[in-house]
């Protein structure tokens, strides 16, 4: 039985209680609070580890995002350079054809 429930039933049912019986209930309370404290510390440590992993993954994602943006910029620049190259190549061909006719 839960020590809190046990204490409540004693209060409801009895007018007096021996200290020996109370001592047992107090020990149960202490064990319960110690177990809760251990559980809380375990959860705190787990959260700390998870938060550390989350922060690392977040930083990696930010770096990847920057790299993707740089890659997209490079693709755009490459496309523009290719277009400019083709325009210049056409102009050169036109000049060469004009020279042939002269």
Protein backbone atom coordinates (compact mmCIF):
# COMPACT_ATOMS: atom_id res chain seq x y z
CA UNK A 1 0.00 0.00 0.00
CA UNK A 2 1.15 3.52 -0.78
CA UNK A 3 2.46 5.21 2.41
CA UNK A 4 0.25 8.24 1.78
CA UNK A 5 -2.85 6.08 1.46
CA UNK A 6 -1.80 4.09 4.51
CA UNK A 7 -1.44 7.26 6.56
CA UNK A 8 -4.81 8.56 5.35
CA UNK A 9 -6.53 5.30 6.35
CA UNK A 10 -4.90 5.44 9.79
CA UNK A 11 -6.10 9.02 10.27
CA UNK A 12 -9.65 8.06 9.23
CA UNK A 13 -9.88 4.84 11.23
CA UNK A 14 -7.82 5.36 14.38
CA UNK A 15 -7.53 7.96 17.09
CA UNK A 16 -4.04 6.96 18.15
CA UNK A 17 -1.13 5.08 16.63
CA UNK A 18 2.09 3.62 17.96
CA UNK A 19 5.35 5.26 17.06
CA UNK A 20 6.61 1.89 15.89
CA UNK A 21 3.95 1.81 13.19
CA UNK A 22 4.62 5.44 12.27
CA UNK A 23 8.33 4.67 12.01
CA UNK A 24 7.60 2.07 9.32
CA UNK A 25 5.44 4.56 7.41
CA UNK A 26 8.14 7.24 7.66
CA UNK A 27 10.71 4.78 6.27
CA UNK A 28 8.38 4.07 3.34
CA UNK A 29 8.06 7.82 2.74
CA UNK A 30 11.82 8.24 2.79
CA UNK A 31 12.33 5.36 0.36
CA UNK A 32 9.63 6.78 -1.90
CA UNK A 33 11.24 10.26 -1.95
CA UNK A 34 14.70 8.80 -2.52
CA UNK A 35 13.37 6.79 -5.46
CA UNK A 36 11.65 9.89 -6.85
CA UNK A 37 14.86 11.90 -6.44
CA UNK A 38 16.83 9.24 -8.33
CA UNK A 39 14.20 9.16 -11.05
CA UNK A 40 14.26 12.97 -11.37
CA UNK A 41 18.07 12.99 -11.55
CA UNK A 42 17.99 10.26 -14.18
CA UNK A 43 15.46 12.21 -16.23
CA UNK A 44 17.51 15.40 -15.81
CA UNK A 45 20.63 13.62 -17.07
CA UNK A 46 18.73 12.10 -19.98
CA UNK A 47 17.32 15.50 -20.93
CA UNK A 48 20.79 17.01 -20.76
CA UNK A 49 22.19 14.34 -23.10
CA UNK A 50 19.24 14.68 -25.48
CA UNK A 51 19.56 18.48 -25.48
CA UNK A 52 23.27 18.23 -26.26
CA UNK A 53 22.56 15.87 -29.18
CA UNK A 54 19.77 18.16 -30.38
CA UNK A 55 22.05 21.21 -30.34
CA UNK A 56 24.71 19.32 -32.32
CA UNK A 57 22.18 18.20 -34.92
CA UNK A 58 20.80 21.73 -35.12
CA UNK A 59 24.27 23.11 -35.81
CA UNK A 60 24.88 20.43 -38.45
CA UNK A 61 21.57 21.30 -40.10
CA UNK A 62 22.50 24.99 -40.15
CA UNK A 63 25.85 24.18 -41.76
CA UNK A 64 24.15 21.96 -44.33
CA UNK A 65 21.67 24.72 -45.09
CA UNK A 66 24.52 27.16 -45.74
CA UNK A 67 26.24 24.63 -47.99
CA UNK A 68 23.01 24.03 -49.94
CA UNK A 69 22.57 27.79 -50.40
CA UNK A 70 26.16 28.09 -51.63
CA UNK A 71 25.59 25.19 -54.01
CA UNK A 72 22.43 26.82 -55.38
CA UNK A 73 24.33 30.09 -55.88
CA UNK A 74 27.11 28.23 -57.70
CA UNK A 75 24.57 26.51 -59.94
CA UNK A 76 23.00 29.86 -60.77
CA UNK A 77 26.40 31.44 -61.48
CA UNK A 78 27.35 28.47 -63.63
CA UNK A 79 24.11 28.78 -65.57
CA UNK A 80 24.73 32.51 -66.12
CA UNK A 81 28.32 31.90 -67.21
CA UNK A 82 27.17 29.19 -69.61
CA UNK A 83 24.59 31.56 -71.10
CA UNK A 84 27.20 34.32 -71.42
CA UNK A 85 29.63 31.85 -73.03
CA UNK A 86 27.03 30.79 -75.56
CA UNK A 87 26.22 34.41 -76.42
CA UNK A 88 29.90 35.23 -76.89
CA UNK A 89 30.41 32.08 -78.92
CA UNK A 90 27.55 33.06 -81.24
CA UNK A 91 29.04 36.54 -81.66
CA UNK A 92 32.40 35.02 -82.50
CA UNK A 93 30.85 32.71 -85.09
CA UNK A 94 29.01 35.65 -86.63
CA UNK A 95 32.27 37.65 -86.90
CA UNK A 96 34.05 34.70 -88.44
CA UNK A 97 31.29 34.25 -90.99
CA UNK A 98 31.43 37.95 -91.85
CA UNK A 99 35.17 37.69 -92.41
CA UNK A 100 34.72 34.74 -94.74
CA UNK A 101 32.45 36.82 -96.96
CA UNK A 102 34.84 39.69 -97.10
